[in-house]
Amino acid sequence: MLLRSALGDELRRTRLEQGRTLAEVARQARVSMPYLSEVERGLKEVSSEVLAALCAALGVELPDLLVAVAFQLSAANSVVTAAPVRRLTSGRFETAAPPAPRPGDAYALAA
């Protein structure tokens, strides 16, 4: 799952939980409605300034949004099994297991 998709999912979920329209949030955040729609669908990368404006329009704290996104990414990552890594060593490919996730990995993104 891409970061922009997880951010968009969380922004849309928050907006819908509040019963607000795309037009209302876009107007309050001072972005166009088509742009907000693309952000929510994970089609556009969002700058930190626009993300802050969207958080303000939705009445959520940026760190809280990032923690929710981190948990979403962590959950999505735990479902996917990583393929073994192949490294070129001494002219030969060796297969190594991908690194195991460590406790707190999801929190590193939010920090």
PDB file of N, CA and C in Angstrom:
ATOM      1  N   MET A   1       0.851  -1.180   0.000  1.00  0.00           N
ATOM      2  CA  MET A   1       0.000   0.000   0.000  1.00  0.00           C
ATOM      3  C   MET A   1       0.892   1.237   0.000  1.00  0.00           C
ATOM      4  N   LEU A   2       0.559   2.191  -0.829  1.00  0.00           N
ATOM      5  CA  LEU A   2       1.322   3.436  -0.906  1.00  0.00           C
ATOM      6  C   LEU A   2       0.919   4.393   0.209  1.00  0.00           C
ATOM      7  N   LEU A   3       1.858   5.217   0.622  1.00  0.00           N
ATOM      8  CA  LEU A   3       1.582   6.217   1.654  1.00  0.00           C
ATOM      9  C   LEU A   3       0.454   7.140   1.212  1.00  0.00           C
ATOM     10  N   ARG A   4       0.482   7.588  -0.046  1.00  0.00           N
ATOM     11  CA  ARG A   4      -0.565   8.511  -0.502  1.00  0.00           C
ATOM     12  C   ARG A   4      -1.940   7.851  -0.469  1.00  0.00           C
ATOM     13  N   SER A   5      -2.012   6.555  -0.715  1.00  0.00           N
ATOM     14  CA  SER A   5      -3.291   5.836  -0.646  1.00  0.00           C
ATOM     15  C   SER A   5      -3.786   5.742   0.790  1.00  0.00           C
ATOM     16  N   ALA A   6      -2.881   5.435   1.704  1.00  0.00           N
ATOM     17  CA  ALA A   6      -3.264   5.333   3.118  1.00  0.00           C
ATOM     18  C   ALA A   6      -3.703   6.698   3.656  1.00  0.00           C
ATOM     19  N   LEU A   7      -2.982   7.754   3.272  1.00  0.00           N
ATOM     20  CA  LEU A   7      -3.379   9.106   3.690  1.00  0.00           C
ATOM     21  C   LEU A   7      -4.766   9.450   3.145  1.00  0.00           C
ATOM     22  N   GLY A   8      -4.980   9.166   1.883  1.00  0.00           N
ATOM     23  CA  GLY A   8      -6.273   9.446   1.266  1.00  0.00           C
ATOM     24  C   GLY A   8      -7.401   8.671   1.919  1.00  0.00           C
ATOM     25  N   ASP A   9      -7.160   7.399   2.199  1.00  0.00           N
ATOM     26  CA  ASP A   9      -8.170   6.578   2.871  1.00  0.00           C
ATOM     27  C   ASP A   9      -8.540   7.170   4.226  1.00  0.00           C
ATOM     28  N   GLU A  10      -7.536   7.563   4.971  1.00  0.00           N
ATOM     29  CA  GLU A  10      -7.781   8.095   6.318  1.00  0.00           C
ATOM     30  C   GLU A  10      -8.487   9.452   6.257  1.00  0.00           C
ATOM     31  N   LEU A  11      -8.104  10.296   5.312  1.00  0.00           N
ATOM     32  CA  LEU A  11      -8.777  11.585   5.164  1.00  0.00           C
ATOM     33  C   LEU A  11     -10.243  11.391   4.783  1.00  0.00           C
ATOM     34  N   ARG A  12     -10.502  10.490   3.851  1.00  0.00           N
ATOM     35  CA  ARG A  12     -11.882  10.223   3.440  1.00  0.00           C
ATOM     36  C   ARG A  12     -12.693   9.633   4.585  1.00  0.00           C
ATOM     37  N   ARG A  13     -12.109   8.668   5.313  1.00  0.00           N
ATOM     38  CA  ARG A  13     -12.812   8.047   6.434  1.00  0.00           C
ATOM     39  C   ARG A  13     -13.196   9.100   7.468  1.00  0.00           C
ATOM     40  N   THR A  14     -12.260  10.000   7.775  1.00  0.00           N
ATOM     41  CA  THR A  14     -12.515  11.050   8.756  1.00  0.00           C
ATOM     42  C   THR A  14     -13.623  11.980   8.271  1.00  0.00           C
ATOM     43  N   ARG A  15     -13.547  12.382   7.017  1.00  0.00           N
ATOM     44  CA  ARG A  15     -14.563  13.284   6.455  1.00  0.00           C
ATOM     45  C   ARG A  15     -15.941  12.646   6.490  1.00  0.00           C
ATOM     46  N   LEU A  16     -16.028  11.380   6.086  1.00  0.00           N
ATOM     47  CA  LEU A  16     -17.317  10.698   6.059  1.00  0.00           C
ATOM     48  C   LEU A  16     -17.861  10.467   7.463  1.00  0.00           C
ATOM     49  N   GLU A  17     -16.989  10.168   8.422  1.00  0.00           N
ATOM     50  CA  GLU A  17     -17.431  10.007   9.812  1.00  0.00           C
ATOM     51  C   GLU A  17     -18.064  11.292  10.333  1.00  0.00           C
ATOM     52  N   GLN A  18     -17.567  12.425   9.850  1.00  0.00           N
ATOM     53  CA  GLN A  18     -18.095  13.725  10.268  1.00  0.00           C
ATOM     54  C   GLN A  18     -19.345  14.119   9.470  1.00  0.00           C
ATOM     55  N   GLY A  19     -19.688  13.325   8.461  1.00  0.00           N
ATOM     56  CA  GLY A  19     -20.856  13.617   7.642  1.00  0.00           C
ATOM     57  C   GLY A  19     -20.699  14.855   6.781  1.00  0.00           C
ATOM     58  N   ARG A  20     -19.457  15.131   6.379  1.00  0.00           N
ATOM     59  CA  ARG A  20     -19.178  16.341   5.606  1.00  0.00           C
ATOM     60  C   ARG A  20     -18.964  16.003   4.143  1.00  0.00           C
ATOM     61  N   THR A  21     -19.232  16.977   3.292  1.00  0.00           N
ATOM     62  CA  THR A  21     -19.054  16.783   1.854  1.00  0.00           C
ATOM     63  C   THR A  21     -17.639  17.157   1.433  1.00  0.00           C
ATOM     64  N   LEU A  22     -17.284  16.640   0.276  1.00  0.00           N
ATOM     65  CA  LEU A  22     -15.990  16.980  -0.310  1.00  0.00           C
ATOM     66  C   LEU A  22     -15.898  18.478  -0.538  1.00  0.00           C
ATOM     67  N   ALA A  23     -16.979  19.065  -1.048  1.00  0.00           N
ATOM     68  CA  ALA A  23     -16.987  20.501  -1.360  1.00  0.00           C
ATOM     69  C   ALA A  23     -16.772  21.328  -0.091  1.00  0.00           C
ATOM     70  N   GLU A  24     -17.411  20.942   0.997  1.00  0.00           N
ATOM     71  CA  GLU A  24     -17.287  21.693   2.246  1.00  0.00           C
ATOM     72  C   GLU A  24     -15.855  21.665   2.783  1.00  0.00           C
ATOM     73  N   VAL A  25     -15.254  20.489   2.818  1.00  0.00           N
ATOM     74  CA  VAL A  25     -13.885  20.361   3.341  1.00  0.00           C
ATOM     75  C   VAL A  25     -12.896  21.049   2.406  1.00  0.00           C
ATOM     76  N   ALA A  26     -13.077  20.890   1.106  1.00  0.00           N
ATOM     77  CA  ALA A  26     -12.186  21.537   0.139  1.00  0.00           C
ATOM     78  C   ALA A  26     -12.232  23.054   0.291  1.00  0.00           C
ATOM     79  N   ARG A  27     -13.435  23.585   0.436  1.00  0.00           N
ATOM     80  CA  ARG A  27     -13.584  25.036   0.591  1.00  0.00           C
ATOM     81  C   ARG A  27     -12.888  25.513   1.863  1.00  0.00           C
ATOM     82  N   GLN A  28     -13.099  24.794   2.957  1.00  0.00           N
ATOM     83  CA  GLN A  28     -12.498  25.207   4.220  1.00  0.00           C
ATOM     84  C   GLN A  28     -10.967  25.076   4.186  1.00  0.00           C
ATOM     85  N   ALA A  29     -10.453  24.076   3.481  1.00  0.00           N
ATOM     86  CA  ALA A  29      -9.001  23.879   3.392  1.00  0.00           C
ATOM     87  C   ALA A  29      -8.374  24.726   2.287  1.00  0.00           C
ATOM     88  N   ARG A  30      -9.220  25.387   1.485  1.00  0.00           N
ATOM     89  CA  ARG A  30      -8.770  26.225   0.376  1.00  0.00           C
ATOM     90  C   ARG A  30      -8.007  25.442  -0.695  1.00  0.00           C
ATOM     91  N   VAL A  31      -8.592  24.286  -1.047  1.00  0.00           N
ATOM     92  CA  VAL A  31      -8.093  23.486  -2.166  1.00  0.00           C
ATOM     93  C   VAL A  31      -9.290  23.214  -3.068  1.00  0.00           C
ATOM     94  N   SER A  32      -9.021  22.845  -4.294  1.00  0.00           N
ATOM     95  CA  SER A  32     -10.129  22.562  -5.201  1.00  0.00           C
ATOM     96  C   SER A  32     -10.755  21.211  -4.850  1.00  0.00           C
ATOM     97  N   MET A  33     -12.028  21.094  -5.141  1.00  0.00           N
ATOM     98  CA  MET A  33     -12.730  19.847  -4.868  1.00  0.00           C
ATOM     99  C   MET A  33     -12.155  18.685  -5.702  1.00  0.00           C
ATOM    100  N   PRO A  34     -11.858  18.875  -6.998  1.00  0.00           N
ATOM    101  CA  PRO A  34     -11.248  17.775  -7.753  1.00  0.00           C
ATOM    102  C   PRO A  34      -9.892  17.341  -7.169  1.00  0.00           C
ATOM    103  N   TYR A  35      -9.102  18.309  -6.700  1.00  0.00           N
ATOM    104  CA  TYR A  35      -7.810  17.961  -6.111  1.00  0.00           C
ATOM    105  C   TYR A  35      -8.012  17.128  -4.839  1.00  0.00           C
ATOM    106  N   LEU A  36      -8.931  17.553  -3.959  1.00  0.00           N
ATOM    107  CA  LEU A  36      -9.191  16.796  -2.736  1.00  0.00           C
ATOM    108  C   LEU A  36      -9.686  15.399  -3.068  1.00  0.00           C
ATOM    109  N   SER A  37     -10.520  15.289  -4.073  1.00  0.00           N
ATOM    110  CA  SER A  37     -11.004  13.979  -4.502  1.00  0.00           C
ATOM    111  C   SER A  37      -9.842  13.079  -4.927  1.00  0.00           C
ATOM    112  N   GLU A  38      -8.903  13.636  -5.681  1.00  0.00           N
ATOM    113  CA  GLU A  38      -7.739  12.853  -6.117  1.00  0.00           C
ATOM    114  C   GLU A  38      -6.848  12.476  -4.942  1.00  0.00           C
ATOM    115  N   VAL A  39      -6.717  13.369  -3.969  1.00  0.00           N
ATOM    116  CA  VAL A  39      -5.935  13.064  -2.763  1.00  0.00           C
ATOM    117  C   VAL A  39      -6.589  11.908  -2.021  1.00  0.00           C
ATOM    118  N   GLU A  40      -7.902  11.983  -1.835  1.00  0.00           N
ATOM    119  CA  GLU A  40      -8.615  10.935  -1.107  1.00  0.00           C
ATOM    120  C   GLU A  40      -8.546   9.587  -1.820  1.00  0.00           C
ATOM    121  N   ARG A  41      -8.465   9.605  -3.137  1.00  0.00           N
ATOM    122  CA  ARG A  41      -8.375   8.350  -3.902  1.00  0.00           C
ATOM    123  C   ARG A  41      -6.935   7.863  -4.053  1.00  0.00           C
ATOM    124  N   GLY A  42      -5.975   8.593  -3.465  1.00  0.00           N
ATOM    125  CA  GLY A  42      -4.581   8.177  -3.525  1.00  0.00           C
ATOM    126  C   GLY A  42      -3.924   8.428  -4.859  1.00  0.00           C
ATOM    127  N   LEU A  43      -4.482   9.339  -5.649  1.00  0.00           N
ATOM    128  CA  LEU A  43      -3.927   9.621  -6.975  1.00  0.00           C
ATOM    129  C   LEU A  43      -2.928  10.769  -6.970  1.00  0.00           C
ATOM    130  N   LYS A  44      -2.990  11.608  -5.945  1.00  0.00           N
ATOM    131  CA  LYS A  44      -2.101  12.774  -5.857  1.00  0.00           C
ATOM    132  C   LYS A  44      -1.320  12.742  -4.566  1.00  0.00           C
ATOM    133  N   GLU A  45      -0.052  13.134  -4.659  1.00  0.00           N
ATOM    134  CA  GLU A  45       0.764  13.348  -3.465  1.00  0.00           C
ATOM    135  C   GLU A  45       0.327  14.672  -2.858  1.00  0.00           C
ATOM    136  N   VAL A  46       0.320  14.758  -1.566  1.00  0.00           N
ATOM    137  CA  VAL A  46      -0.110  15.969  -0.894  1.00  0.00           C
ATOM    138  C   VAL A  46       1.084  16.606  -0.186  1.00  0.00           C
ATOM    139  N   SER A  47       1.221  17.922  -0.310  1.00  0.00           N
ATOM    140  CA  SER A  47       2.322  18.616   0.371  1.00  0.00           C
ATOM    141  C   SER A  47       2.014  18.720   1.859  1.00  0.00           C
ATOM    142  N   SER A  48       3.021  19.008   2.634  1.00  0.00           N
ATOM    143  CA  SER A  48       2.810  19.148   4.078  1.00  0.00           C
ATOM    144  C   SER A  48       1.893  20.324   4.386  1.00  0.00           C
ATOM    145  N   GLU A  49       1.954  21.379   3.580  1.00  0.00           N
ATOM    146  CA  GLU A  49       1.090  22.537   3.798  1.00  0.00           C
ATOM    147  C   GLU A  49      -0.374  22.195   3.538  1.00  0.00           C
ATOM    148  N   VAL A  50      -0.635  21.485   2.448  1.00  0.00           N
ATOM    149  CA  VAL A  50      -2.008  21.097   2.136  1.00  0.00           C
ATOM    150  C   VAL A  50      -2.508  20.088   3.162  1.00  0.00           C
ATOM    151  N   LEU A  51      -1.654  19.162   3.563  1.00  0.00           N
ATOM    152  CA  LEU A  51      -2.048  18.185   4.577  1.00  0.00           C
ATOM    153  C   LEU A  51      -2.418  18.877   5.885  1.00  0.00           C
ATOM    154  N   ALA A  52      -1.651  19.878   6.269  1.00  0.00           N
ATOM    155  CA  ALA A  52      -1.966  20.643   7.480  1.00  0.00           C
ATOM    156  C   ALA A  52      -3.291  21.375   7.328  1.00  0.00           C
ATOM    157  N   ALA A  53      -3.555  21.936   6.143  1.00  0.00           N
ATOM    158  CA  ALA A  53      -4.819  22.638   5.897  1.00  0.00           C
ATOM    159  C   ALA A  53      -5.996  21.663   5.939  1.00  0.00           C
ATOM    160  N   LEU A  54      -5.809  20.474   5.409  1.00  0.00           N
ATOM    161  CA  LEU A  54      -6.874  19.471   5.447  1.00  0.00           C
ATOM    162  C   LEU A  54      -7.150  19.004   6.874  1.00  0.00           C
ATOM    163  N   CYS A  55      -6.095  18.831   7.646  1.00  0.00           N
ATOM    164  CA  CYS A  55      -6.273  18.445   9.054  1.00  0.00           C
ATOM    165  C   CYS A  55      -7.031  19.534   9.812  1.00  0.00           C
ATOM    166  N   ALA A  56      -6.667  20.781   9.568  1.00  0.00           N
ATOM    167  CA  ALA A  56      -7.359  21.897  10.228  1.00  0.00           C
ATOM    168  C   ALA A  56      -8.833  21.931   9.818  1.00  0.00           C
ATOM    169  N   ALA A  57      -9.103  21.720   8.539  1.00  0.00           N
ATOM    170  CA  ALA A  57     -10.485  21.736   8.052  1.00  0.00           C
ATOM    171  C   ALA A  57     -11.299  20.600   8.658  1.00  0.00           C
ATOM    172  N   LEU A  58     -10.634  19.472   8.895  1.00  0.00           N
ATOM    173  CA  LEU A  58     -11.323  18.316   9.474  1.00  0.00           C
ATOM    174  C   LEU A  58     -11.313  18.335  11.007  1.00  0.00           C
ATOM    175  N   GLY A  59     -10.536  19.255  11.589  1.00  0.00           N
ATOM    176  CA  GLY A  59     -10.468  19.331  13.044  1.00  0.00           C
ATOM    177  C   GLY A  59      -9.722  18.181  13.683  1.00  0.00           C
ATOM    178  N   VAL A  60      -8.711  17.666  12.974  1.00  0.00           N
ATOM    179  CA  VAL A  60      -7.883  16.587  13.530  1.00  0.00           C
ATOM    180  C   VAL A  60      -6.443  17.067  13.621  1.00  0.00           C
ATOM    181  N   GLU A  61      -5.718  16.523  14.550  1.00  0.00           N
ATOM    182  CA  GLU A  61      -4.303  16.847  14.701  1.00  0.00           C
ATOM    183  C   GLU A  61      -3.492  16.027  13.698  1.00  0.00           C
ATOM    184  N   LEU A  62      -2.503  16.658  13.095  1.00  0.00           N
ATOM    185  CA  LEU A  62      -1.656  15.980  12.116  1.00  0.00           C
ATOM    186  C   LEU A  62      -0.992  14.728  12.699  1.00  0.00           C
ATOM    187  N   PRO A  63      -0.416  14.788  13.910  1.00  0.00           N
ATOM    188  CA  PRO A  63       0.194  13.562  14.459  1.00  0.00           C
ATOM    189  C   PRO A  63      -0.818  12.421  14.615  1.00  0.00           C
ATOM    190  N   ASP A  64      -2.061  12.738  14.974  1.00  0.00           N
ATOM    191  CA  ASP A  64      -3.084  11.694  15.113  1.00  0.00           C
ATOM    192  C   ASP A  64      -3.386  11.059  13.760  1.00  0.00           C
ATOM    193  N   LEU A  65      -3.462  11.875  12.724  1.00  0.00           N
ATOM    194  CA  LEU A  65      -3.688  11.357  11.377  1.00  0.00           C
ATOM    195  C   LEU A  65      -2.536  10.449  10.954  1.00  0.00           C
ATOM    196  N   LEU A  66      -1.308  10.878  11.224  1.00  0.00           N
ATOM    197  CA  LEU A  66      -0.141  10.094  10.824  1.00  0.00           C
ATOM    198  C   LEU A  66      -0.055   8.770  11.572  1.00  0.00           C
ATOM    199  N   VAL A  67      -0.449   8.758  12.830  1.00  0.00           N
ATOM    200  CA  VAL A  67      -0.453   7.502  13.590  1.00  0.00           C
ATOM    201  C   VAL A  67      -1.485   6.551  12.996  1.00  0.00           C
ATOM    202  N   ALA A  68      -2.677   7.059  12.667  1.00  0.00           N
ATOM    203  CA  ALA A  68      -3.707   6.214  12.054  1.00  0.00           C
ATOM    204  C   ALA A  68      -3.212   5.651  10.720  1.00  0.00           C
ATOM    205  N   VAL A  69      -2.532   6.482   9.933  1.00  0.00           N
ATOM    206  CA  VAL A  69      -1.980   6.036   8.652  1.00  0.00           C
ATOM    207  C   VAL A  69      -0.891   4.983   8.887  1.00  0.00           C
ATOM    208  N   ALA A  70      -0.065   5.195   9.893  1.00  0.00           N
ATOM    209  CA  ALA A  70       1.003   4.236  10.201  1.00  0.00           C
ATOM    210  C   ALA A  70       0.415   2.880  10.566  1.00  0.00           C
ATOM    211  N   PHE A  71      -0.639   2.868  11.363  1.00  0.00           N
ATOM    212  CA  PHE A  71      -1.276   1.598  11.718  1.00  0.00           C
ATOM    213  C   PHE A  71      -1.902   0.943  10.490  1.00  0.00           C
ATOM    214  N   GLN A  72      -2.488   1.735   9.619  1.00  0.00           N
ATOM    215  CA  GLN A  72      -3.079   1.193   8.394  1.00  0.00           C
ATOM    216  C   GLN A  72      -1.996   0.561   7.523  1.00  0.00           C
ATOM    217  N   LEU A  73      -0.875   1.247   7.368  1.00  0.00           N
ATOM    218  CA  LEU A  73       0.232   0.705   6.569  1.00  0.00           C
ATOM    219  C   LEU A  73       0.813  -0.537   7.214  1.00  0.00           C
ATOM    220  N   SER A  74       0.927  -0.524   8.523  1.00  0.00           N
ATOM    221  CA  SER A  74       1.469  -1.670   9.243  1.00  0.00           C
ATOM    222  C   SER A  74       0.569  -2.883   9.078  1.00  0.00           C
ATOM    223  N   ALA A  75      -0.741  -2.670   9.187  1.00  0.00           N
ATOM    224  CA  ALA A  75      -1.689  -3.765   9.023  1.00  0.00           C
ATOM    225  C   ALA A  75      -1.639  -4.308   7.598  1.00  0.00           C
ATOM    226  N   ALA A  76      -1.574  -3.421   6.625  1.00  0.00           N
ATOM    227  CA  ALA A  76      -1.506  -3.846   5.225  1.00  0.00           C
ATOM    228  C   ALA A  76      -0.207  -4.581   4.958  1.00  0.00           C
ATOM    229  N   ASN A  77       0.874  -4.147   5.589  1.00  0.00           N
ATOM    230  CA  ASN A  77       2.183  -4.761   5.393  1.00  0.00           C
ATOM    231  C   ASN A  77       2.242  -6.147   6.025  1.00  0.00           C
ATOM    232  N   SER A  78       1.536  -6.348   7.120  1.00  0.00           N
ATOM    233  CA  SER A  78       1.598  -7.646   7.792  1.00  0.00           C
ATOM    234  C   SER A  78       0.834  -8.704   7.017  1.00  0.00           C
ATOM    235  N   VAL A  79      -0.076  -8.297   6.137  1.00  0.00           N
ATOM    236  CA  VAL A  79      -0.837  -9.242   5.335  1.00  0.00           C
ATOM    237  C   VAL A  79      -0.012  -9.718   4.151  1.00  0.00           C
ATOM    238  N   VAL A  80       0.837  -8.844   3.630  1.00  0.00           N
ATOM    239  CA  VAL A  80       1.648  -9.164   2.458  1.00  0.00           C
ATOM    240  C   VAL A  80       2.921  -9.867   2.906  1.00  0.00           C
ATOM    241  N   THR A  81       3.242 -10.953   2.256  1.00  0.00           N
ATOM    242  CA  THR A  81       4.480 -11.655   2.550  1.00  0.00           C
ATOM    243  C   THR A  81       5.546 -11.183   1.574  1.00  0.00           C
ATOM    244  N   ALA A  82       6.641 -10.703   2.117  1.00  0.00           N
ATOM    245  CA  ALA A  82       7.717 -10.191   1.271  1.00  0.00           C
ATOM    246  C   ALA A  82       8.460 -11.343   0.611  1.00  0.00           C
ATOM    247  N   ALA A  83       8.861 -11.108  -0.616  1.00  0.00           N
ATOM    248  CA  ALA A  83       9.637 -12.105  -1.342  1.00  0.00           C
ATOM    249  C   ALA A  83      11.073 -12.098  -0.830  1.00  0.00           C
ATOM    250  N   PRO A  84      11.749 -13.217  -0.931  1.00  0.00           N
ATOM    251  CA  PRO A  84      13.150 -13.245  -0.526  1.00  0.00           C
ATOM    252  C   PRO A  84      13.979 -12.262  -1.338  1.00  0.00           C
ATOM    253  N   VAL A  85      15.001 -11.741  -0.723  1.00  0.00           N
ATOM    254  CA  VAL A  85      15.888 -10.777  -1.371  1.00  0.00           C
ATOM    255  C   VAL A  85      17.049 -11.539  -1.993  1.00  0.00           C
ATOM    256  N   ARG A  86      17.364 -11.184  -3.236  1.00  0.00           N
ATOM    257  CA  ARG A  86      18.511 -11.826  -3.894  1.00  0.00           C
ATOM    258  C   ARG A  86      19.632 -10.807  -3.968  1.00  0.00           C
ATOM    259  N   ARG A  87      20.786 -11.190  -3.456  1.00  0.00           N
ATOM    260  CA  ARG A  87      21.947 -10.301  -3.451  1.00  0.00           C
ATOM    261  C   ARG A  87      23.066 -10.916  -4.271  1.00  0.00           C
ATOM    262  N   LEU A  88      23.773 -10.047  -4.972  1.00  0.00           N
ATOM    263  CA  LEU A  88      24.921 -10.495  -5.739  1.00  0.00           C
ATOM    264  C   LEU A  88      26.139 -10.448  -4.840  1.00  0.00           C
ATOM    265  N   THR A  89      26.714 -11.624  -4.552  1.00  0.00           N
ATOM    266  CA  THR A  89      27.882 -11.720  -3.686  1.00  0.00           C
ATOM    267  C   THR A  89      28.925 -12.597  -4.370  1.00  0.00           C
ATOM    268  N   SER A  90      30.092 -12.104  -4.517  1.00  0.00           N
ATOM    269  CA  SER A  90      31.204 -12.853  -5.127  1.00  0.00           C
ATOM    270  C   SER A  90      30.827 -13.441  -6.478  1.00  0.00           C
ATOM    271  N   GLY A  91      30.094 -12.656  -7.270  1.00  0.00           N
ATOM    272  CA  GLY A  91      29.736 -13.116  -8.597  1.00  0.00           C
ATOM    273  C   GLY A  91      28.556 -14.077  -8.630  1.00  0.00           C
ATOM    274  N   ARG A  92      27.963 -14.375  -7.470  1.00  0.00           N
ATOM    275  CA  ARG A  92      26.816 -15.298  -7.416  1.00  0.00           C
ATOM    276  C   ARG A  92      25.661 -14.623  -6.684  1.00  0.00           C
ATOM    277  N   PHE A  93      24.457 -15.018  -7.039  1.00  0.00           N
ATOM    278  CA  PHE A  93      23.290 -14.523  -6.319  1.00  0.00           C
ATOM    279  C   PHE A  93      23.040 -15.416  -5.107  1.00  0.00           C
ATOM    280  N   GLU A  94      22.848 -14.795  -3.973  1.00  0.00           N
ATOM    281  CA  GLU A  94      22.469 -15.523  -2.765  1.00  0.00           C
ATOM    282  C   GLU A  94      21.100 -15.022  -2.339  1.00  0.00           C
ATOM    283  N   THR A  95      20.294 -15.922  -1.856  1.00  0.00           N
ATOM    284  CA  THR A  95      18.959 -15.556  -1.407  1.00  0.00           C
ATOM    285  C   THR A  95      18.971 -15.351   0.096  1.00  0.00           C
ATOM    286  N   ALA A  96      18.430 -14.218   0.512  1.00  0.00           N
ATOM    287  CA  ALA A  96      18.342 -13.916   1.941  1.00  0.00           C
ATOM    288  C   ALA A  96      16.901 -13.557   2.264  1.00  0.00           C
ATOM    289  N   ALA A  97      16.478 -13.894   3.441  1.00  0.00           N
ATOM    290  CA  ALA A  97      15.117 -13.558   3.870  1.00  0.00           C
ATOM    291  C   ALA A  97      15.021 -12.054   4.087  1.00  0.00           C
ATOM    292  N   PRO A  98      13.855 -11.477   3.820  1.00  0.00           N
ATOM    293  CA  PRO A  98      13.694 -10.045   4.087  1.00  0.00           C
ATOM    294  C   PRO A  98      13.768  -9.791   5.590  1.00  0.00           C
ATOM    295  N   PRO A  99      14.148  -8.596   5.991  1.00  0.00           N
ATOM    296  CA  PRO A  99      14.242  -8.316   7.424  1.00  0.00           C
ATOM    297  C   PRO A  99      12.873  -8.419   8.087  1.00  0.00           C
ATOM    298  N   ALA A 100      12.862  -8.979   9.284  1.00  0.00           N
ATOM    299  CA  ALA A 100      11.611  -9.115  10.037  1.00  0.00           C
ATOM    300  C   ALA A 100      11.196  -7.756  10.578  1.00  0.00           C
ATOM    301  N   PRO A 101       9.880  -7.480  10.591  1.00  0.00           N
ATOM    302  CA  PRO A 101       9.429  -6.214  11.170  1.00  0.00           C
ATOM    303  C   PRO A 101       9.747  -6.172  12.656  1.00  0.00           C
ATOM    304  N   ARG A 102      10.102  -5.006  13.126  1.00  0.00           N
ATOM    305  CA  ARG A 102      10.428  -4.833  14.535  1.00  0.00           C
ATOM    306  C   ARG A 102       9.300  -4.109  15.232  1.00  0.00           C
ATOM    307  N   PRO A 103       9.120  -4.375  16.525  1.00  0.00           N
ATOM    308  CA  PRO A 103       8.104  -3.615  17.257  1.00  0.00           C
ATOM    309  C   PRO A 103       8.419  -2.129  17.162  1.00  0.00           C
ATOM    310  N   GLY A 104       7.402  -1.347  16.916  1.00  0.00           N
ATOM    311  CA  GLY A 104       7.595   0.097  16.832  1.00  0.00           C
ATOM    312  C   GLY A 104       7.838   0.611  15.433  1.00  0.00           C
ATOM    313  N   ASP A 105       7.929  -0.298  14.426  1.00  0.00           N
ATOM    314  CA  ASP A 105       8.152   0.155  13.054  1.00  0.00           C
ATOM    315  C   ASP A 105       7.056   1.104  12.591  1.00  0.00           C
ATOM    316  N   ALA A 106       5.820   0.831  12.957  1.00  0.00           N
ATOM    317  CA  ALA A 106       4.714   1.700  12.546  1.00  0.00           C
ATOM    318  C   ALA A 106       4.841   3.080  13.168  1.00  0.00           C
ATOM    319  N   TYR A 107       5.394   3.143  14.358  1.00  0.00           N
ATOM    320  CA  TYR A 107       5.519   4.426  15.033  1.00  0.00           C
ATOM    321  C   TYR A 107       6.619   5.284  14.422  1.00  0.00           C
ATOM    322  N   ALA A 108       7.606   4.663  13.769  1.00  0.00           N
ATOM    323  CA  ALA A 108       8.695   5.432  13.162  1.00  0.00           C
ATOM    324  C   ALA A 108       8.145   6.345  12.065  1.00  0.00           C
ATOM    325  N   LEU A 109       7.150   5.885  11.317  1.00  0.00           N
ATOM    326  CA  LEU A 109       6.548   6.695  10.275  1.00  0.00           C
ATOM    327  C   LEU A 109       5.848   7.903  10.883  1.00  0.00           C
ATOM    328  N   ALA A 110       5.202   7.707  12.006  1.00  0.00           N
ATOM    329  CA  ALA A 110       4.430   8.777  12.621  1.00  0.00           C
ATOM    330  C   ALA A 110       5.308   9.820  13.293  1.00  0.00           C
ATOM    331  N   ALA A 111       6.520   9.475  13.578  1.00  0.00           N
ATOM    332  CA  ALA A 111       7.394  10.391  14.311  1.00  0.00           C
ATOM    333  C   ALA A 111       7.900  11.527  13.509  1.00  0.00           C
TER     334      ALA A 111
END
